[in-house]
Structure formats: C-alpha cells, structure tokens
C-alpha cells in the first residue's frame, strides 16, 4: 500500500470480489489509499455514516479528499469507482472512443452478468442450508455459460479489451472463486491462461491479501449471526 501521500483515498472495504477490484486498481496505479473496514458480517454496512456515502448499503465505496474540483467526493458501486480512478490516474481506462467502449462493455458485462450470477452460484452451492436443486443447477450452468463467453473473447487476445484495463481488474476477482462456483478452469483454457497472467502481476498479489486476516475471523457457512445479517435482507423503514 502506498504511504507517501498526505491525503489518501479512503476505501470502505471488505475482502470480497467487489472490494478486491479496487485494491487491484489502487495498487496498479500506485494511488495512496487507506482501508476502512466495513465488516459486512457484523452489519457495519447499515451504519448511518456508511449509508451517507453508500446508500445501497453495499461496499465498496470510496471518499477521495481530492475530487475532480478539488473538493472531497464520495462514490459507491465498484464499476463507477474503477472508472473514476481510471480517469484520475490516467491509466487502465482509455479515453479514446473505440478503446473506451471496448473496456466499458466488458466492465458492464461483469457488473450485470458474471458478478450477480457468480454470486448466486456461490450462495446456493456453499451457503444455502438446504440444497435447492433447481437453483443449484440454474446458477452453476449460467456461470458456466459466462465462462464460455469469456473464453471465446480471450481466444485471440491476452486481455479482454486488448490492453490490460479496469475490465480485467473487475472480472479477475470473480474468477478467483471458480471452484466455489462449480467451475474448472481446465475446461476454459483461454480463461486459464489469462487468469495466470493477471495472478502473476505484483500489484495483484499485493491487492488480494488486503484484509485477509479480518475476513478469516468469521465463517459465513457456520456463523449464524453473520448469516442473519447478510441473508434475507428487506427494505428498512426510512
């Protein structure tokens, strides 16, 4: 983590795939940042201070003391944060029209497809207290289809949008738990090669261990309090 700047970006974080996206980008760019843990298994995401910057009560979120106009800015939604950081750093998010569209379509593919479907597959395969066969197969199969889409895309290129970009950073953390999603990377050789290329990057290696010790303090599969906080949420009275 970079420590030489006076005003680091505050990163409201828990080590989930969506959180790891941000630490990858920050480490790749060398932007100074400070981790503010949001323990989602203990309900930190419902605290008023956090909801003020992330009204969807989901992490990650950031507060940049040095926003675009010199004033602090808060941002939620990991894809929007990656785009913001790309513009701020001038890296990994091209500004030329066609190249930018290439990155954005694969960033949004992850946000709208791989993330939600991968999350559901992970849930029904690992956290559901009873095996619901339809849900188990439905999400496992859909994630398999998405891996196939990604495999086809990577058949003739090293990274999803040509050069390494925020699109790769968004997708990679959702491929890391492939076993928990019921997928075998050997079935997708182009994805497997891409996965290894990204995995070997020093910035990625630094990024994925941020908060590891905090997360290991509880186990969602057995921690009833955490399960009650995370699963079965409904709208709260305003």
C-alpha atoms as a PDB file:
ATOM      1  CA  UNK A   1       0.000   0.000   0.000  1.00  0.00           C
ATOM      2  CA  UNK A   2       1.331   3.436  -0.909  1.00  0.00           C
ATOM      3  CA  UNK A   3       2.002   5.628   2.118  1.00  0.00           C
ATOM      4  CA  UNK A   4       3.730   8.743   0.822  1.00  0.00           C
ATOM      5  CA  UNK A   5       0.733  10.987   0.074  1.00  0.00           C
ATOM      6  CA  UNK A   6      -0.787  13.404   2.587  1.00  0.00           C
ATOM      7  CA  UNK A   7      -4.420  12.672   1.694  1.00  0.00           C
ATOM      8  CA  UNK A   8      -5.032   9.052   0.792  1.00  0.00           C
ATOM      9  CA  UNK A   9      -8.262   7.868  -0.764  1.00  0.00           C
ATOM     10  CA  UNK A  10     -10.475   6.331   1.908  1.00  0.00           C
ATOM     11  CA  UNK A  11     -11.591   2.861   0.789  1.00  0.00           C
ATOM     12  CA  UNK A  12     -14.608   1.409   2.590  1.00  0.00           C
ATOM     13  CA  UNK A  13     -13.841  -2.213   2.103  1.00  0.00           C
ATOM     14  CA  UNK A  14     -14.325  -5.867   2.845  1.00  0.00           C
ATOM     15  CA  UNK A  15     -12.272  -8.546   1.021  1.00  0.00           C
ATOM     16  CA  UNK A  16     -14.957  -9.714  -1.402  1.00  0.00           C
ATOM     17  CA  UNK A  17     -14.541  -9.801  -5.193  1.00  0.00           C
ATOM     18  CA  UNK A  18     -16.038  -6.316  -5.496  1.00  0.00           C
ATOM     19  CA  UNK A  19     -13.682  -4.974  -2.856  1.00  0.00           C
ATOM     20  CA  UNK A  20     -10.627  -6.630  -4.367  1.00  0.00           C
ATOM     21  CA  UNK A  21     -11.303  -4.886  -7.688  1.00  0.00           C
ATOM     22  CA  UNK A  22     -10.441  -1.597  -6.035  1.00  0.00           C
ATOM     23  CA  UNK A  23      -7.302  -2.691  -4.248  1.00  0.00           C
ATOM     24  CA  UNK A  24      -6.020  -4.096  -7.552  1.00  0.00           C
ATOM     25  CA  UNK A  25      -6.597  -0.781  -9.322  1.00  0.00           C
ATOM     26  CA  UNK A  26      -5.122   1.273  -6.485  1.00  0.00           C
ATOM     27  CA  UNK A  27      -2.042  -0.925  -6.278  1.00  0.00           C
ATOM     28  CA  UNK A  28      -1.584  -0.935 -10.053  1.00  0.00           C
ATOM     29  CA  UNK A  29      -1.763   2.856 -10.180  1.00  0.00           C
ATOM     30  CA  UNK A  30       0.231   3.497  -7.015  1.00  0.00           C
ATOM     31  CA  UNK A  31      -2.516   5.753  -5.703  1.00  0.00           C
ATOM     32  CA  UNK A  32      -2.345   6.339  -1.925  1.00  0.00           C
ATOM     33  CA  UNK A  33      -5.223   4.760  -0.050  1.00  0.00           C
ATOM     34  CA  UNK A  34      -6.397   3.957   3.449  1.00  0.00           C
ATOM     35  CA  UNK A  35      -8.574   0.934   4.186  1.00  0.00           C
ATOM     36  CA  UNK A  36     -11.700   1.465   6.279  1.00  0.00           C
ATOM     37  CA  UNK A  37     -13.048  -1.985   7.024  1.00  0.00           C
ATOM     38  CA  UNK A  38     -16.799  -2.469   6.627  1.00  0.00           C
ATOM     39  CA  UNK A  39     -17.463  -5.787   8.332  1.00  0.00           C
ATOM     40  CA  UNK A  40     -20.479  -6.963   6.364  1.00  0.00           C
ATOM     41  CA  UNK A  41     -20.933  -9.962   8.656  1.00  0.00           C
ATOM     42  CA  UNK A  42     -21.433  -7.662  11.640  1.00  0.00           C
ATOM     43  CA  UNK A  43     -23.694  -5.111   9.983  1.00  0.00           C
ATOM     44  CA  UNK A  44     -21.274  -2.198   9.540  1.00  0.00           C
ATOM     45  CA  UNK A  45     -22.904  -1.534   6.145  1.00  0.00           C
ATOM     46  CA  UNK A  46     -26.067  -0.327   7.899  1.00  0.00           C
ATOM     47  CA  UNK A  47     -24.354   2.333   9.981  1.00  0.00           C
ATOM     48  CA  UNK A  48     -25.579   5.875   9.150  1.00  0.00           C
ATOM     49  CA  UNK A  49     -22.035   7.071   8.460  1.00  0.00           C
ATOM     50  CA  UNK A  50     -21.592   4.418   5.796  1.00  0.00           C
ATOM     51  CA  UNK A  51     -25.063   4.864   4.289  1.00  0.00           C
ATOM     52  CA  UNK A  52     -24.231   8.538   3.780  1.00  0.00           C
ATOM     53  CA  UNK A  53     -21.656   7.517   1.170  1.00  0.00           C
ATOM     54  CA  UNK A  54     -23.181   4.214   0.023  1.00  0.00           C
ATOM     55  CA  UNK A  55     -26.991   4.429   0.125  1.00  0.00           C
ATOM     56  CA  UNK A  56     -27.319   0.899  -1.281  1.00  0.00           C
ATOM     57  CA  UNK A  57     -25.720  -0.398   1.967  1.00  0.00           C
ATOM     58  CA  UNK A  58     -23.135  -2.300  -0.032  1.00  0.00           C
ATOM     59  CA  UNK A  59     -19.390  -1.994  -0.074  1.00  0.00           C
ATOM     60  CA  UNK A  60     -17.067  -0.945  -1.570  1.00  0.00           C
ATOM     61  CA  UNK A  61     -17.231   2.811  -1.574  1.00  0.00           C
ATOM     62  CA  UNK A  62     -14.582   5.498  -1.550  1.00  0.00           C
ATOM     63  CA  UNK A  63     -14.092   9.030  -0.362  1.00  0.00           C
ATOM     64  CA  UNK A  64     -11.462  10.937  -2.297  1.00  0.00           C
ATOM     65  CA  UNK A  65     -10.409  14.094  -0.415  1.00  0.00           C
ATOM     66  CA  UNK A  66      -9.100  15.475  -3.709  1.00  0.00           C
ATOM     67  CA  UNK A  67     -12.104  15.196  -6.019  1.00  0.00           C
ATOM     68  CA  UNK A  68     -12.356  16.465  -9.608  1.00  0.00           C
ATOM     69  CA  UNK A  69     -12.980  20.050  -8.467  1.00  0.00           C
ATOM     70  CA  UNK A  70     -10.572  19.883  -5.558  1.00  0.00           C
ATOM     71  CA  UNK A  71     -13.345  19.117  -3.061  1.00  0.00           C
ATOM     72  CA  UNK A  72     -13.958  15.697  -1.469  1.00  0.00           C
ATOM     73  CA  UNK A  73     -16.149  13.279  -3.393  1.00  0.00           C
ATOM     74  CA  UNK A  74     -17.764  10.012  -2.307  1.00  0.00           C
ATOM     75  CA  UNK A  75     -18.559   7.244  -4.800  1.00  0.00           C
ATOM     76  CA  UNK A  76     -20.310   3.909  -4.465  1.00  0.00           C
ATOM     77  CA  UNK A  77     -20.635   0.994  -6.955  1.00  0.00           C
ATOM     78  CA  UNK A  78     -17.356  -0.724  -7.819  1.00  0.00           C
ATOM     79  CA  UNK A  79     -17.634  -0.208 -11.585  1.00  0.00           C
ATOM     80  CA  UNK A  80     -18.179   3.533 -11.199  1.00  0.00           C
ATOM     81  CA  UNK A  81     -15.250   3.691  -8.784  1.00  0.00           C
ATOM     82  CA  UNK A  82     -12.955   1.908 -11.250  1.00  0.00           C
ATOM     83  CA  UNK A  83     -13.925   4.380 -13.971  1.00  0.00           C
ATOM     84  CA  UNK A  84     -13.333   7.296 -11.623  1.00  0.00           C
ATOM     85  CA  UNK A  85      -9.918   6.002 -10.583  1.00  0.00           C
ATOM     86  CA  UNK A  86      -9.027   5.361 -14.219  1.00  0.00           C
ATOM     87  CA  UNK A  87      -9.802   8.961 -15.097  1.00  0.00           C
ATOM     88  CA  UNK A  88      -7.987  10.256 -12.022  1.00  0.00           C
ATOM     89  CA  UNK A  89      -4.821   8.256 -12.655  1.00  0.00           C
ATOM     90  CA  UNK A  90      -4.987   8.413 -16.441  1.00  0.00           C
ATOM     91  CA  UNK A  91      -4.297   4.669 -16.586  1.00  0.00           C
ATOM     92  CA  UNK A  92      -6.081   1.443 -17.486  1.00  0.00           C
ATOM     93  CA  UNK A  93      -9.174   3.272 -18.794  1.00  0.00           C
ATOM     94  CA  UNK A  94      -8.601   4.689 -22.275  1.00  0.00           C
ATOM     95  CA  UNK A  95     -10.214   7.969 -23.225  1.00  0.00           C
ATOM     96  CA  UNK A  96     -10.244   7.378 -26.998  1.00  0.00           C
ATOM     97  CA  UNK A  97     -13.737   6.475 -28.179  1.00  0.00           C
ATOM     98  CA  UNK A  98     -13.473   2.930 -29.524  1.00  0.00           C
ATOM     99  CA  UNK A  99     -10.959   1.765 -26.948  1.00  0.00           C
ATOM    100  CA  UNK A 100     -13.090   3.173 -24.150  1.00  0.00           C
ATOM    101  CA  UNK A 101     -16.186   1.380 -25.429  1.00  0.00           C
ATOM    102  CA  UNK A 102     -14.261  -1.912 -25.551  1.00  0.00           C
ATOM    103  CA  UNK A 103     -13.358  -1.546 -21.885  1.00  0.00           C
ATOM    104  CA  UNK A 104     -16.790  -0.371 -20.791  1.00  0.00           C
ATOM    105  CA  UNK A 105     -18.756  -3.168 -22.422  1.00  0.00           C
ATOM    106  CA  UNK A 106     -16.688  -5.821 -20.629  1.00  0.00           C
ATOM    107  CA  UNK A 107     -16.773  -3.892 -17.349  1.00  0.00           C
ATOM    108  CA  UNK A 108     -20.578  -3.785 -17.585  1.00  0.00           C
ATOM    109  CA  UNK A 109     -20.649  -7.446 -18.621  1.00  0.00           C
ATOM    110  CA  UNK A 110     -19.028  -8.272 -15.314  1.00  0.00           C
ATOM    111  CA  UNK A 111     -21.298  -5.962 -13.347  1.00  0.00           C
ATOM    112  CA  UNK A 112     -24.515  -7.213 -14.931  1.00  0.00           C
ATOM    113  CA  UNK A 113     -23.678 -10.862 -15.599  1.00  0.00           C
ATOM    114  CA  UNK A 114     -20.630 -12.517 -14.072  1.00  0.00           C
ATOM    115  CA  UNK A 115     -20.904 -10.826 -10.678  1.00  0.00           C
ATOM    116  CA  UNK A 116     -24.610 -11.425  -9.995  1.00  0.00           C
ATOM    117  CA  UNK A 117     -24.654 -14.932 -11.453  1.00  0.00           C
ATOM    118  CA  UNK A 118     -21.357 -15.913  -9.826  1.00  0.00           C
ATOM    119  CA  UNK A 119     -22.623 -14.617  -6.510  1.00  0.00           C
ATOM    120  CA  UNK A 120     -25.821 -16.625  -6.758  1.00  0.00           C
ATOM    121  CA  UNK A 121     -23.939 -19.781  -7.740  1.00  0.00           C
ATOM    122  CA  UNK A 122     -21.595 -19.278  -4.802  1.00  0.00           C
ATOM    123  CA  UNK A 123     -24.529 -18.760  -2.453  1.00  0.00           C
ATOM    124  CA  UNK A 124     -26.614 -21.760  -3.449  1.00  0.00           C
ATOM    125  CA  UNK A 125     -23.600 -24.066  -3.669  1.00  0.00           C
ATOM    126  CA  UNK A 126     -21.945 -23.025  -0.390  1.00  0.00           C
ATOM    127  CA  UNK A 127     -24.274 -21.118   1.920  1.00  0.00           C
ATOM    128  CA  UNK A 128     -27.817 -22.401   1.356  1.00  0.00           C
ATOM    129  CA  UNK A 129     -28.743 -24.518   4.359  1.00  0.00           C
ATOM    130  CA  UNK A 130     -30.593 -26.954   2.142  1.00  0.00           C
ATOM    131  CA  UNK A 131     -29.687 -27.910  -1.394  1.00  0.00           C
ATOM    132  CA  UNK A 132     -32.257 -26.475  -3.792  1.00  0.00           C
ATOM    133  CA  UNK A 133     -31.573 -28.462  -6.926  1.00  0.00           C
ATOM    134  CA  UNK A 134     -33.130 -26.027  -9.389  1.00  0.00           C
ATOM    135  CA  UNK A 135     -31.221 -23.012  -8.041  1.00  0.00           C
ATOM    136  CA  UNK A 136     -28.020 -25.037  -7.643  1.00  0.00           C
ATOM    137  CA  UNK A 137     -28.073 -26.111 -11.291  1.00  0.00           C
ATOM    138  CA  UNK A 138     -29.541 -22.900 -12.711  1.00  0.00           C
ATOM    139  CA  UNK A 139     -26.776 -20.638 -11.449  1.00  0.00           C
ATOM    140  CA  UNK A 140     -23.945 -23.117 -11.868  1.00  0.00           C
ATOM    141  CA  UNK A 141     -24.935 -23.614 -15.511  1.00  0.00           C
ATOM    142  CA  UNK A 142     -25.301 -19.887 -16.180  1.00  0.00           C
ATOM    143  CA  UNK A 143     -21.854 -19.202 -14.743  1.00  0.00           C
ATOM    144  CA  UNK A 144     -20.525 -21.979 -16.955  1.00  0.00           C
ATOM    145  CA  UNK A 145     -22.071 -20.221 -19.961  1.00  0.00           C
ATOM    146  CA  UNK A 146     -20.446 -16.942 -18.940  1.00  0.00           C
ATOM    147  CA  UNK A 147     -17.046 -18.591 -18.572  1.00  0.00           C
ATOM    148  CA  UNK A 148     -17.560 -19.839 -22.112  1.00  0.00           C
ATOM    149  CA  UNK A 149     -18.264 -16.286 -23.306  1.00  0.00           C
ATOM    150  CA  UNK A 150     -15.087 -15.066 -21.638  1.00  0.00           C
ATOM    151  CA  UNK A 151     -13.106 -17.989 -23.026  1.00  0.00           C
ATOM    152  CA  UNK A 152     -14.206 -17.111 -26.548  1.00  0.00           C
ATOM    153  CA  UNK A 153     -13.296 -13.489 -26.070  1.00  0.00           C
ATOM    154  CA  UNK A 154      -9.795 -14.385 -24.898  1.00  0.00           C
ATOM    155  CA  UNK A 155      -9.109 -16.840 -27.716  1.00  0.00           C
ATOM    156  CA  UNK A 156      -7.142 -14.269 -29.723  1.00  0.00           C
ATOM    157  CA  UNK A 157      -6.009 -11.703 -27.152  1.00  0.00           C
ATOM    158  CA  UNK A 158      -4.175 -11.513 -23.833  1.00  0.00           C
ATOM    159  CA  UNK A 159      -6.705  -9.259 -22.104  1.00  0.00           C
ATOM    160  CA  UNK A 160     -10.422  -8.729 -22.560  1.00  0.00           C
ATOM    161  CA  UNK A 161     -10.271  -5.268 -24.139  1.00  0.00           C
ATOM    162  CA  UNK A 162      -6.882  -5.522 -25.856  1.00  0.00           C
ATOM    163  CA  UNK A 163      -4.595  -3.875 -23.312  1.00  0.00           C
ATOM    164  CA  UNK A 164      -4.803  -4.669 -19.608  1.00  0.00           C
ATOM    165  CA  UNK A 165      -7.552  -2.493 -18.159  1.00  0.00           C
ATOM    166  CA  UNK A 166     -10.139  -1.949 -15.455  1.00  0.00           C
ATOM    167  CA  UNK A 167     -12.265  -4.557 -17.242  1.00  0.00           C
ATOM    168  CA  UNK A 168      -9.720  -7.263 -16.403  1.00  0.00           C
ATOM    169  CA  UNK A 169      -9.480  -5.955 -12.854  1.00  0.00           C
ATOM    170  CA  UNK A 170     -13.246  -6.197 -12.473  1.00  0.00           C
ATOM    171  CA  UNK A 171     -13.505  -9.720 -13.887  1.00  0.00           C
ATOM    172  CA  UNK A 172     -10.487 -11.364 -12.255  1.00  0.00           C
ATOM    173  CA  UNK A 173     -11.749 -11.326  -8.629  1.00  0.00           C
ATOM    174  CA  UNK A 174     -14.929 -13.072  -9.758  1.00  0.00           C
ATOM    175  CA  UNK A 175     -12.913 -15.848 -11.423  1.00  0.00           C
ATOM    176  CA  UNK A 176     -10.768 -16.443  -8.334  1.00  0.00           C
ATOM    177  CA  UNK A 177     -13.543 -18.398  -6.547  1.00  0.00           C
ATOM    178  CA  UNK A 178     -14.222 -20.560  -9.614  1.00  0.00           C
ATOM    179  CA  UNK A 179     -14.218 -23.772  -7.603  1.00  0.00           C
ATOM    180  CA  UNK A 180     -16.913 -22.454  -5.288  1.00  0.00           C
ATOM    181  CA  UNK A 181     -18.930 -21.572  -8.397  1.00  0.00           C
ATOM    182  CA  UNK A 182     -18.623 -25.157  -9.618  1.00  0.00           C
ATOM    183  CA  UNK A 183     -16.238 -24.370 -12.480  1.00  0.00           C
ATOM    184  CA  UNK A 184     -12.985 -25.981 -13.627  1.00  0.00           C
ATOM    185  CA  UNK A 185     -10.585 -23.633 -15.407  1.00  0.00           C
ATOM    186  CA  UNK A 186      -9.177 -26.589 -17.327  1.00  0.00           C
ATOM    187  CA  UNK A 187     -12.439 -26.512 -19.303  1.00  0.00           C
ATOM    188  CA  UNK A 188     -11.667 -22.935 -20.382  1.00  0.00           C
ATOM    189  CA  UNK A 189      -8.005 -22.829 -21.470  1.00  0.00           C
ATOM    190  CA  UNK A 190      -8.034 -19.202 -22.663  1.00  0.00           C
ATOM    191  CA  UNK A 191      -9.542 -18.060 -19.369  1.00  0.00           C
ATOM    192  CA  UNK A 192      -6.982 -20.144 -17.503  1.00  0.00           C
ATOM    193  CA  UNK A 193      -4.064 -18.517 -19.358  1.00  0.00           C
ATOM    194  CA  UNK A 194      -5.493 -15.037 -18.770  1.00  0.00           C
ATOM    195  CA  UNK A 195      -6.069 -15.874 -15.107  1.00  0.00           C
ATOM    196  CA  UNK A 196      -2.433 -16.866 -14.655  1.00  0.00           C
ATOM    197  CA  UNK A 197      -1.177 -13.711 -16.426  1.00  0.00           C
ATOM    198  CA  UNK A 198      -3.121 -11.495 -14.058  1.00  0.00           C
ATOM    199  CA  UNK A 199      -2.411 -13.605 -10.993  1.00  0.00           C
ATOM    200  CA  UNK A 200       1.334 -13.154 -11.514  1.00  0.00           C
ATOM    201  CA  UNK A 201       1.205  -9.356 -11.515  1.00  0.00           C
ATOM    202  CA  UNK A 202       2.909  -7.976  -8.364  1.00  0.00           C
ATOM    203  CA  UNK A 203       0.184  -5.370  -7.791  1.00  0.00           C
ATOM    204  CA  UNK A 204      -2.481  -8.068  -7.932  1.00  0.00           C
ATOM    205  CA  UNK A 205      -0.580 -10.215  -5.467  1.00  0.00           C
ATOM    206  CA  UNK A 206      -0.443  -7.287  -3.051  1.00  0.00           C
ATOM    207  CA  UNK A 207      -4.087  -6.422  -3.580  1.00  0.00           C
ATOM    208  CA  UNK A 208      -5.674  -9.801  -2.945  1.00  0.00           C
ATOM    209  CA  UNK A 209      -4.248 -10.172   0.568  1.00  0.00           C
ATOM    210  CA  UNK A 210      -5.626  -6.865   1.861  1.00  0.00           C
ATOM    211  CA  UNK A 211      -7.995  -7.695   4.703  1.00  0.00           C
ATOM    212  CA  UNK A 212      -7.419 -11.433   4.542  1.00  0.00           C
ATOM    213  CA  UNK A 213      -6.891 -11.713   8.289  1.00  0.00           C
ATOM    214  CA  UNK A 214     -10.069  -9.747   9.005  1.00  0.00           C
ATOM    215  CA  UNK A 215     -12.157 -11.998   6.804  1.00  0.00           C
ATOM    216  CA  UNK A 216     -10.771 -15.146   8.360  1.00  0.00           C
ATOM    217  CA  UNK A 217     -12.184 -14.123  11.727  1.00  0.00           C
ATOM    218  CA  UNK A 218     -15.606 -15.488  10.793  1.00  0.00           C
ATOM    219  CA  UNK A 219     -17.032 -18.160   8.511  1.00  0.00           C
ATOM    220  CA  UNK A 220     -20.301 -17.469   6.734  1.00  0.00           C
ATOM    221  CA  UNK A 221     -21.022 -21.163   6.440  1.00  0.00           C
ATOM    222  CA  UNK A 222     -21.195 -21.527  10.228  1.00  0.00           C
ATOM    223  CA  UNK A 223     -21.538 -18.024  11.711  1.00  0.00           C
ATOM    224  CA  UNK A 224     -25.276 -17.689  12.393  1.00  0.00           C
ATOM    225  CA  UNK A 225     -25.049 -14.016  13.347  1.00  0.00           C
ATOM    226  CA  UNK A 226     -23.320 -13.156  10.074  1.00  0.00           C
ATOM    227  CA  UNK A 227     -25.848 -15.209   8.090  1.00  0.00           C
ATOM    228  CA  UNK A 228     -28.716 -13.360   9.750  1.00  0.00           C
ATOM    229  CA  UNK A 229     -27.153 -10.020   8.845  1.00  0.00           C
ATOM    230  CA  UNK A 230     -26.351 -10.862   5.232  1.00  0.00           C
ATOM    231  CA  UNK A 231     -29.120 -13.130   4.026  1.00  0.00           C
ATOM    232  CA  UNK A 232     -32.809 -12.329   3.801  1.00  0.00           C
ATOM    233  CA  UNK A 233     -32.464  -8.551   3.947  1.00  0.00           C
ATOM    234  CA  UNK A 234     -35.522  -6.446   3.215  1.00  0.00           C
ATOM    235  CA  UNK A 235     -36.140  -2.748   2.910  1.00  0.00           C
ATOM    236  CA  UNK A 236     -35.659  -0.829   6.132  1.00  0.00           C
ATOM    237  CA  UNK A 237     -38.028   1.880   7.253  1.00  0.00           C
ATOM    238  CA  UNK A 238     -36.622   5.285   6.459  1.00  0.00           C
END
